Amino acid sequence: MTATTSVKIQLIRSPIGCKESHRATVRGLGLRKIRSTSELQDTPAVRGMINKISYLVKVI
């Protein structure tokens, strides 16, 4: 059996005034309000999304 690892992220800045694609990425990660958190599987796709909006989120 393989253990699935997860990554927990928190929205720390508002996506208002950011590019539309960055706002869509925030929503795609399941984040809505400031300080909302989301726990997702640690995949290369999710890591790429986090990297794209690294100035808006914090990995906890």
C-alpha atoms as a PDB file:
ATOM      1  CA  MET A   1       0.000   0.000   0.000  1.00  0.00           C
ATOM      2  CA  THR A   2       1.196   3.502  -0.762  1.00  0.00           C
ATOM      3  CA  ALA A   3       0.506   6.306   1.648  1.00  0.00           C
ATOM      4  CA  THR A   4      -1.054   9.289  -0.068  1.00  0.00           C
ATOM      5  CA  THR A   5       0.504  12.502   1.103  1.00  0.00           C
ATOM      6  CA  SER A   6      -1.447  15.691   1.321  1.00  0.00           C
ATOM      7  CA  VAL A   7      -0.620  19.369   1.371  1.00  0.00           C
ATOM      8  CA  LYS A   8      -2.584  21.928   3.371  1.00  0.00           C
ATOM      9  CA  ILE A   9      -2.774  25.470   2.031  1.00  0.00           C
ATOM     10  CA  GLN A  10      -4.288  28.687   3.366  1.00  0.00           C
ATOM     11  CA  LEU A  11      -5.317  31.822   1.478  1.00  0.00           C
ATOM     12  CA  ILE A  12      -3.504  34.789   3.052  1.00  0.00           C
ATOM     13  CA  ARG A  13      -4.085  37.564   0.486  1.00  0.00           C
ATOM     14  CA  SER A  14      -7.123  38.610  -1.478  1.00  0.00           C
ATOM     15  CA  PRO A  15      -7.131  37.711  -5.169  1.00  0.00           C
ATOM     16  CA  ILE A  16      -8.958  40.982  -5.962  1.00  0.00           C
ATOM     17  CA  GLY A  17      -6.883  42.919  -8.452  1.00  0.00           C
ATOM     18  CA  CYS A  18      -4.954  39.846  -9.581  1.00  0.00           C
ATOM     19  CA  LYS A  19      -5.031  38.252 -13.002  1.00  0.00           C
ATOM     20  CA  GLU A  20      -8.201  36.357 -13.846  1.00  0.00           C
ATOM     21  CA  SER A  21      -6.211  33.138 -14.287  1.00  0.00           C
ATOM     22  CA  HIS A  22      -4.773  33.524 -10.778  1.00  0.00           C
ATOM     23  CA  ARG A  23      -8.258  34.015  -9.341  1.00  0.00           C
ATOM     24  CA  ALA A  24      -9.398  30.889 -11.167  1.00  0.00           C
ATOM     25  CA  THR A  25      -6.445  28.977  -9.709  1.00  0.00           C
ATOM     26  CA  VAL A  26      -7.415  30.071  -6.187  1.00  0.00           C
ATOM     27  CA  ARG A  27     -10.957  28.787  -6.752  1.00  0.00           C
ATOM     28  CA  GLY A  28      -9.606  25.611  -8.341  1.00  0.00           C
ATOM     29  CA  LEU A  29      -7.666  24.876  -5.170  1.00  0.00           C
ATOM     30  CA  GLY A  30     -10.889  25.146  -3.165  1.00  0.00           C
ATOM     31  CA  LEU A  31     -10.109  28.448  -1.455  1.00  0.00           C
ATOM     32  CA  ARG A  32     -12.800  31.075  -1.043  1.00  0.00           C
ATOM     33  CA  LYS A  33     -12.261  33.565   1.771  1.00  0.00           C
ATOM     34  CA  ILE A  34      -9.152  34.944   3.428  1.00  0.00           C
ATOM     35  CA  ARG A  35      -7.731  32.432   5.963  1.00  0.00           C
ATOM     36  CA  SER A  36      -9.747  29.584   4.423  1.00  0.00           C
ATOM     37  CA  THR A  37      -7.793  26.334   4.228  1.00  0.00           C
ATOM     38  CA  SER A  38      -7.849  23.406   1.867  1.00  0.00           C
ATOM     39  CA  GLU A  39      -6.199  19.994   2.099  1.00  0.00           C
ATOM     40  CA  LEU A  40      -5.343  18.430  -1.248  1.00  0.00           C
ATOM     41  CA  GLN A  41      -3.316  15.490  -2.532  1.00  0.00           C
ATOM     42  CA  ASP A  42       0.324  16.349  -3.101  1.00  0.00           C
ATOM     43  CA  THR A  43       0.582  15.983  -6.883  1.00  0.00           C
ATOM     44  CA  PRO A  44       2.725  17.834  -9.421  1.00  0.00           C
ATOM     45  CA  ALA A  45      -0.400  19.564 -10.759  1.00  0.00           C
ATOM     46  CA  VAL A  46      -1.362  20.899  -7.325  1.00  0.00           C
ATOM     47  CA  ARG A  47       2.246  21.936  -6.643  1.00  0.00           C
ATOM     48  CA  GLY A  48       2.251  23.861  -9.928  1.00  0.00           C
ATOM     49  CA  MET A  49      -0.959  25.644  -8.977  1.00  0.00           C
ATOM     50  CA  ILE A  50       0.481  26.580  -5.587  1.00  0.00           C
ATOM     51  CA  ASN A  51       3.665  27.830  -7.247  1.00  0.00           C
ATOM     52  CA  LYS A  52       1.629  29.992  -9.642  1.00  0.00           C
ATOM     53  CA  ILE A  53      -0.137  31.814  -6.810  1.00  0.00           C
ATOM     54  CA  SER A  54       2.568  31.534  -4.139  1.00  0.00           C
ATOM     55  CA  TYR A  55       2.176  35.228  -3.267  1.00  0.00           C
ATOM     56  CA  LEU A  56      -1.463  34.612  -2.252  1.00  0.00           C
ATOM     57  CA  VAL A  57      -1.197  31.372  -0.272  1.00  0.00           C
ATOM     58  CA  LYS A  58       0.765  29.782   2.554  1.00  0.00           C
ATOM     59  CA  VAL A  59       1.538  26.074   2.895  1.00  0.00           C
ATOM     60  CA  ILE A  60       0.753  24.962   6.442  1.00  0.00           C
END
